[in-house]
N, C-alpha and C. Protein backbone atom coordinates (compact mmCIF):
# COMPACT_ATOMS: atom_id res chain seq x y z
N MET A 1 -118.04 46.84 -7.43
CA MET A 1 -119.04 46.75 -6.38
C MET A 1 -120.05 47.86 -6.62
N GLU A 2 -121.28 47.48 -6.80
CA GLU A 2 -122.33 48.46 -7.04
C GLU A 2 -122.89 48.94 -5.72
N GLU A 3 -123.41 50.15 -5.76
CA GLU A 3 -124.09 50.69 -4.59
C GLU A 3 -125.50 51.05 -4.99
N ASN A 4 -126.42 50.81 -4.10
CA ASN A 4 -127.83 50.99 -4.40
C ASN A 4 -128.45 51.97 -3.42
N TYR A 5 -129.38 52.72 -3.94
CA TYR A 5 -130.05 53.71 -3.12
C TYR A 5 -131.11 53.06 -2.26
N ALA A 6 -131.09 53.37 -0.98
CA ALA A 6 -132.14 52.91 -0.09
C ALA A 6 -133.04 54.07 0.29
N SER A 7 -132.53 55.29 0.09
CA SER A 7 -133.29 56.46 0.50
C SER A 7 -132.85 57.67 -0.29
N ASP A 8 -133.77 58.52 -0.69
CA ASP A 8 -133.41 59.79 -1.33
C ASP A 8 -133.92 60.94 -0.46
N GLU A 9 -133.57 60.94 0.76
CA GLU A 9 -134.01 61.97 1.70
C GLU A 9 -133.35 63.30 1.37
N VAL A 10 -133.88 64.36 1.95
CA VAL A 10 -133.40 65.71 1.73
C VAL A 10 -131.93 65.86 2.12
N LEU A 11 -131.49 65.12 3.13
CA LEU A 11 -130.11 65.24 3.61
C LEU A 11 -129.10 64.59 2.68
N GLY A 12 -129.53 63.77 1.77
CA GLY A 12 -128.62 63.08 0.86
C GLY A 12 -129.06 61.64 0.66
N ASP A 13 -128.19 60.89 0.01
CA ASP A 13 -128.51 59.51 -0.32
C ASP A 13 -127.83 58.54 0.63
N VAL A 14 -128.49 57.43 0.86
CA VAL A 14 -127.89 56.31 1.58
C VAL A 14 -127.71 55.22 0.53
N ARG A 15 -126.48 54.77 0.36
CA ARG A 15 -126.20 53.74 -0.64
C ARG A 15 -125.75 52.47 0.06
N ILE A 16 -126.27 51.35 -0.41
CA ILE A 16 -125.95 50.05 0.17
C ILE A 16 -125.29 49.22 -0.92
N SER A 17 -124.07 48.75 -0.66
CA SER A 17 -123.36 47.99 -1.68
C SER A 17 -123.94 46.59 -1.83
N ASP A 18 -123.77 46.02 -3.01
CA ASP A 18 -124.22 44.65 -3.26
C ASP A 18 -123.54 43.68 -2.30
N GLU A 19 -122.30 43.98 -1.96
CA GLU A 19 -121.55 43.11 -1.03
C GLU A 19 -122.22 43.07 0.35
N VAL A 20 -122.74 44.19 0.80
CA VAL A 20 -123.44 44.23 2.08
C VAL A 20 -124.72 43.39 2.00
N VAL A 21 -125.45 43.52 0.92
CA VAL A 21 -126.67 42.72 0.74
C VAL A 21 -126.31 41.24 0.71
N ALA A 22 -125.21 40.88 0.05
CA ALA A 22 -124.76 39.49 0.00
C ALA A 22 -124.41 38.99 1.40
N ASN A 23 -123.72 39.81 2.18
CA ASN A 23 -123.37 39.41 3.54
C ASN A 23 -124.61 39.18 4.39
N ILE A 24 -125.60 40.02 4.24
CA ILE A 24 -126.86 39.83 4.97
C ILE A 24 -127.48 38.49 4.59
N ALA A 25 -127.49 38.18 3.30
CA ALA A 25 -128.07 36.91 2.82
C ALA A 25 -127.33 35.71 3.40
N VAL A 26 -126.01 35.76 3.41
CA VAL A 26 -125.20 34.64 3.93
C VAL A 26 -125.45 34.45 5.42
N ILE A 27 -125.45 35.53 6.18
CA ILE A 27 -125.67 35.43 7.63
C ILE A 27 -127.07 34.91 7.91
N ALA A 28 -128.06 35.43 7.19
CA ALA A 28 -129.45 35.00 7.40
C ALA A 28 -129.62 33.51 7.09
N ALA A 29 -129.03 33.05 5.99
CA ALA A 29 -129.13 31.63 5.63
C ALA A 29 -128.45 30.76 6.68
N GLY A 30 -127.32 31.22 7.19
CA GLY A 30 -126.58 30.46 8.19
C GLY A 30 -127.30 30.32 9.52
N GLU A 31 -128.28 31.18 9.76
CA GLU A 31 -129.05 31.12 11.01
C GLU A 31 -130.10 30.00 10.99
N ILE A 32 -130.34 29.42 9.83
CA ILE A 32 -131.38 28.39 9.70
C ILE A 32 -130.83 27.04 10.13
N GLU A 33 -131.56 26.37 11.01
CA GLU A 33 -131.16 25.05 11.46
C GLU A 33 -131.14 24.10 10.27
N GLY A 34 -130.05 23.38 10.12
CA GLY A 34 -129.91 22.44 9.02
C GLY A 34 -128.99 22.93 7.92
N VAL A 35 -128.69 24.23 7.89
CA VAL A 35 -127.77 24.75 6.88
C VAL A 35 -126.35 24.54 7.38
N SER A 36 -125.54 23.83 6.58
CA SER A 36 -124.14 23.64 6.92
C SER A 36 -123.35 24.90 6.54
N TYR A 37 -123.52 25.35 5.30
CA TYR A 37 -122.93 26.61 4.86
C TYR A 37 -123.49 27.03 3.52
N VAL A 38 -123.22 28.28 3.16
CA VAL A 38 -123.62 28.83 1.87
C VAL A 38 -122.43 28.69 0.93
N VAL A 39 -122.65 28.05 -0.22
CA VAL A 39 -121.59 27.88 -1.20
C VAL A 39 -121.19 29.25 -1.72
N GLY A 40 -119.87 29.50 -1.78
CA GLY A 40 -119.38 30.78 -2.26
C GLY A 40 -119.27 31.85 -1.20
N SER A 41 -119.49 31.47 0.07
CA SER A 41 -119.45 32.46 1.14
C SER A 41 -118.07 32.60 1.76
N GLY A 42 -117.09 31.90 1.22
CA GLY A 42 -115.74 32.00 1.74
C GLY A 42 -115.43 30.97 2.81
N LYS A 43 -116.35 30.07 3.10
CA LYS A 43 -116.09 29.01 4.06
C LYS A 43 -115.09 28.03 3.45
N PRO A 44 -114.30 27.36 4.29
CA PRO A 44 -113.37 26.36 3.76
C PRO A 44 -114.14 25.26 3.02
N ASN A 45 -113.63 24.89 1.88
CA ASN A 45 -114.30 23.86 1.07
C ASN A 45 -113.71 22.49 1.37
N GLU A 46 -114.29 21.80 2.31
CA GLU A 46 -113.89 20.44 2.62
C GLU A 46 -114.95 19.53 2.04
N PHE A 47 -114.78 19.18 0.77
CA PHE A 47 -115.83 18.46 0.05
C PHE A 47 -115.81 16.96 0.25
N LYS A 48 -114.85 16.44 1.01
CA LYS A 48 -114.79 14.99 1.16
C LYS A 48 -116.02 14.43 1.86
N ASN A 49 -116.69 15.23 2.69
CA ASN A 49 -117.88 14.77 3.40
C ASN A 49 -119.17 15.30 2.81
N ILE A 50 -119.10 15.91 1.64
CA ILE A 50 -120.27 16.49 1.01
C ILE A 50 -120.71 15.60 -0.16
N VAL A 51 -121.98 15.26 -0.18
CA VAL A 51 -122.53 14.44 -1.25
C VAL A 51 -123.35 15.33 -2.17
N GLY A 52 -123.12 15.23 -3.46
CA GLY A 52 -123.98 15.90 -4.42
C GLY A 52 -123.37 17.12 -5.08
N ILE A 53 -122.30 17.67 -4.56
CA ILE A 53 -121.73 18.86 -5.18
C ILE A 53 -120.92 18.45 -6.40
N LYS A 54 -121.28 19.00 -7.55
CA LYS A 54 -120.56 18.70 -8.78
C LYS A 54 -119.88 19.95 -9.33
N ASN A 55 -120.54 21.08 -9.23
CA ASN A 55 -120.01 22.32 -9.79
C ASN A 55 -119.82 23.32 -8.67
N HIS A 56 -118.56 23.59 -8.34
CA HIS A 56 -118.26 24.50 -7.24
C HIS A 56 -118.24 25.96 -7.67
N THR A 57 -118.43 26.23 -8.96
CA THR A 57 -118.32 27.60 -9.44
C THR A 57 -119.62 28.39 -9.29
N LYS A 58 -120.74 27.70 -9.13
CA LYS A 58 -122.00 28.42 -8.92
C LYS A 58 -122.06 28.85 -7.47
N ASP A 59 -122.15 30.13 -7.25
CA ASP A 59 -122.19 30.58 -5.87
C ASP A 59 -123.22 31.68 -5.68
N LEU A 60 -123.04 32.46 -4.69
CA LEU A 60 -123.98 33.50 -4.32
C LEU A 60 -123.99 34.63 -5.35
N ARG A 61 -125.18 35.00 -5.82
CA ARG A 61 -125.33 36.12 -6.75
C ARG A 61 -126.44 37.03 -6.25
N ILE A 62 -126.12 38.30 -6.19
CA ILE A 62 -127.08 39.32 -5.79
C ILE A 62 -127.23 40.29 -6.96
N GLU A 63 -128.46 40.55 -7.34
CA GLU A 63 -128.72 41.53 -8.40
C GLU A 63 -129.68 42.57 -7.85
N VAL A 64 -129.27 43.82 -7.92
CA VAL A 64 -130.12 44.90 -7.44
C VAL A 64 -130.37 45.85 -8.61
N CYS A 65 -131.65 46.05 -8.92
CA CYS A 65 -132.05 46.97 -9.97
C CYS A 65 -133.03 47.95 -9.34
N GLU A 66 -132.64 49.23 -9.36
CA GLU A 66 -133.43 50.24 -8.64
C GLU A 66 -133.44 49.85 -7.17
N LYS A 67 -134.61 49.56 -6.62
CA LYS A 67 -134.70 49.17 -5.20
C LYS A 67 -135.22 47.74 -5.05
N ILE A 68 -135.03 46.93 -6.10
CA ILE A 68 -135.52 45.55 -6.12
C ILE A 68 -134.31 44.61 -6.12
N VAL A 69 -134.32 43.63 -5.21
CA VAL A 69 -133.21 42.69 -5.05
C VAL A 69 -133.64 41.30 -5.50
N SER A 70 -132.75 40.64 -6.22
CA SER A 70 -132.92 39.23 -6.59
C SER A 70 -131.71 38.47 -6.06
N VAL A 71 -131.96 37.35 -5.39
CA VAL A 71 -130.89 36.57 -4.77
C VAL A 71 -130.89 35.16 -5.36
N ASP A 72 -129.71 34.71 -5.77
CA ASP A 72 -129.48 33.32 -6.17
C ASP A 72 -128.38 32.79 -5.26
N MET A 73 -128.68 31.70 -4.56
CA MET A 73 -127.67 31.16 -3.66
C MET A 73 -127.74 29.64 -3.63
N ALA A 74 -126.61 29.05 -3.30
CA ALA A 74 -126.53 27.60 -3.16
C ALA A 74 -126.11 27.30 -1.73
N ILE A 75 -126.75 26.30 -1.14
CA ILE A 75 -126.43 25.92 0.23
C ILE A 75 -126.12 24.44 0.31
N VAL A 76 -125.40 24.08 1.36
CA VAL A 76 -125.18 22.68 1.70
C VAL A 76 -125.96 22.44 2.98
N VAL A 77 -126.77 21.38 2.98
CA VAL A 77 -127.64 21.07 4.11
C VAL A 77 -127.06 19.90 4.90
N LYS A 78 -127.17 19.99 6.21
CA LYS A 78 -126.70 18.91 7.07
C LYS A 78 -127.55 17.66 6.86
N TYR A 79 -126.89 16.51 6.91
CA TYR A 79 -127.58 15.24 6.73
C TYR A 79 -128.68 15.07 7.77
N GLY A 80 -129.82 14.56 7.34
CA GLY A 80 -130.93 14.28 8.25
C GLY A 80 -132.02 15.34 8.25
N PHE A 81 -131.76 16.47 7.63
CA PHE A 81 -132.76 17.55 7.58
C PHE A 81 -133.54 17.46 6.27
N SER A 82 -134.79 17.89 6.30
CA SER A 82 -135.63 17.93 5.11
C SER A 82 -135.13 19.03 4.17
N LEU A 83 -134.72 18.65 2.98
CA LEU A 83 -134.18 19.62 2.03
C LEU A 83 -135.19 20.69 1.65
N PRO A 84 -136.43 20.33 1.29
CA PRO A 84 -137.41 21.38 0.95
C PRO A 84 -137.72 22.31 2.12
N THR A 85 -137.79 21.76 3.32
CA THR A 85 -138.10 22.58 4.50
C THR A 85 -136.98 23.58 4.78
N VAL A 86 -135.74 23.11 4.72
CA VAL A 86 -134.59 24.00 4.94
C VAL A 86 -134.53 25.06 3.85
N GLY A 87 -134.73 24.65 2.59
CA GLY A 87 -134.69 25.61 1.49
C GLY A 87 -135.73 26.71 1.63
N LYS A 88 -136.95 26.35 2.00
CA LYS A 88 -138.03 27.33 2.19
C LYS A 88 -137.72 28.27 3.35
N ALA A 89 -137.19 27.71 4.44
CA ALA A 89 -136.83 28.54 5.60
C ALA A 89 -135.74 29.54 5.24
N VAL A 90 -134.78 29.11 4.43
CA VAL A 90 -133.72 30.02 3.97
C VAL A 90 -134.32 31.14 3.13
N GLN A 91 -135.22 30.80 2.21
CA GLN A 91 -135.86 31.83 1.38
C GLN A 91 -136.56 32.88 2.24
N GLU A 92 -137.32 32.43 3.21
CA GLU A 92 -138.08 33.36 4.06
C GLU A 92 -137.16 34.22 4.91
N ARG A 93 -136.12 33.61 5.52
CA ARG A 93 -135.21 34.37 6.39
C ARG A 93 -134.39 35.37 5.59
N VAL A 94 -133.89 34.97 4.43
CA VAL A 94 -133.09 35.88 3.61
C VAL A 94 -133.94 37.07 3.17
N ARG A 95 -135.15 36.80 2.70
CA ARG A 95 -136.03 37.89 2.27
C ARG A 95 -136.30 38.87 3.42
N SER A 96 -136.71 38.36 4.56
CA SER A 96 -137.07 39.27 5.66
C SER A 96 -135.85 40.03 6.18
N SER A 97 -134.70 39.38 6.23
CA SER A 97 -133.49 40.06 6.72
C SER A 97 -133.07 41.19 5.80
N ILE A 98 -133.05 40.93 4.50
CA ILE A 98 -132.65 41.98 3.55
C ILE A 98 -133.65 43.13 3.58
N GLU A 99 -134.94 42.82 3.56
CA GLU A 99 -135.94 43.89 3.55
C GLU A 99 -135.91 44.70 4.84
N ASN A 100 -135.78 44.04 5.99
CA ASN A 100 -135.77 44.75 7.27
C ASN A 100 -134.52 45.59 7.46
N MET A 101 -133.38 45.09 7.01
CA MET A 101 -132.12 45.80 7.25
C MET A 101 -131.82 46.88 6.22
N THR A 102 -132.32 46.73 5.00
CA THR A 102 -131.95 47.68 3.94
C THR A 102 -133.08 48.56 3.45
N GLY A 103 -134.32 48.13 3.65
CA GLY A 103 -135.44 48.87 3.09
C GLY A 103 -135.67 48.57 1.62
N LEU A 104 -134.83 47.70 1.04
CA LEU A 104 -135.01 47.29 -0.35
C LEU A 104 -136.07 46.20 -0.42
N GLU A 105 -136.70 46.04 -1.58
CA GLU A 105 -137.71 45.00 -1.77
C GLU A 105 -137.04 43.78 -2.41
N VAL A 106 -137.30 42.60 -1.88
CA VAL A 106 -136.74 41.37 -2.44
C VAL A 106 -137.80 40.73 -3.33
N SER A 107 -137.47 40.60 -4.62
CA SER A 107 -138.42 40.02 -5.57
C SER A 107 -138.39 38.50 -5.52
N ASP A 108 -137.19 37.93 -5.36
CA ASP A 108 -137.09 36.48 -5.29
C ASP A 108 -135.79 36.05 -4.62
N VAL A 109 -135.86 34.88 -3.98
CA VAL A 109 -134.69 34.24 -3.38
C VAL A 109 -134.68 32.82 -3.93
N ASN A 110 -133.78 32.57 -4.85
CA ASN A 110 -133.66 31.24 -5.46
C ASN A 110 -132.59 30.46 -4.71
N VAL A 111 -132.98 29.34 -4.13
CA VAL A 111 -132.07 28.52 -3.34
C VAL A 111 -131.85 27.19 -4.06
N ARG A 112 -130.57 26.88 -4.28
CA ARG A 112 -130.20 25.59 -4.87
C ARG A 112 -129.53 24.76 -3.78
N ILE A 113 -130.02 23.55 -3.55
CA ILE A 113 -129.37 22.65 -2.60
C ILE A 113 -128.21 22.01 -3.35
N ALA A 114 -126.98 22.42 -3.01
CA ALA A 114 -125.80 21.98 -3.74
C ALA A 114 -125.22 20.68 -3.21
N GLY A 115 -125.60 20.32 -2.00
CA GLY A 115 -125.05 19.10 -1.43
C GLY A 115 -125.59 18.82 -0.05
N VAL A 116 -125.18 17.67 0.47
CA VAL A 116 -125.56 17.24 1.81
C VAL A 116 -124.28 17.00 2.59
N ASP A 117 -124.16 17.62 3.75
CA ASP A 117 -122.98 17.49 4.60
C ASP A 117 -123.16 16.25 5.48
N LEU A 118 -122.27 15.28 5.32
CA LEU A 118 -122.37 14.02 6.05
C LEU A 118 -121.72 14.07 7.42
N LYS A 119 -121.08 15.18 7.77
CA LYS A 119 -120.42 15.29 9.08
C LYS A 119 -121.42 15.33 10.19
């Protein structure tokens, strides 16, 4: 688990682990209407009602270099929602949540629609 500097103040350093950044991304994505869940977030995998998922090994990846964050995530969208609209909303929410909570800069949020939840 890597830790990243958010501040080099006179009192010392504040380090934020990649796991914390990942948790922020998962929670932020889950707040978007139409998102069933984030693949790789530890949710139970009940794939019998999911259409389109072929590879379950691709999951959430966070890369932090210096103070720049890159996010790769896969989501399952509830049936009936616009896939591009949900994907864009996830990108925007994840970026703003990470930047507001950590002070780190988000360079990109890559969202892959891994499936559609028919429930």
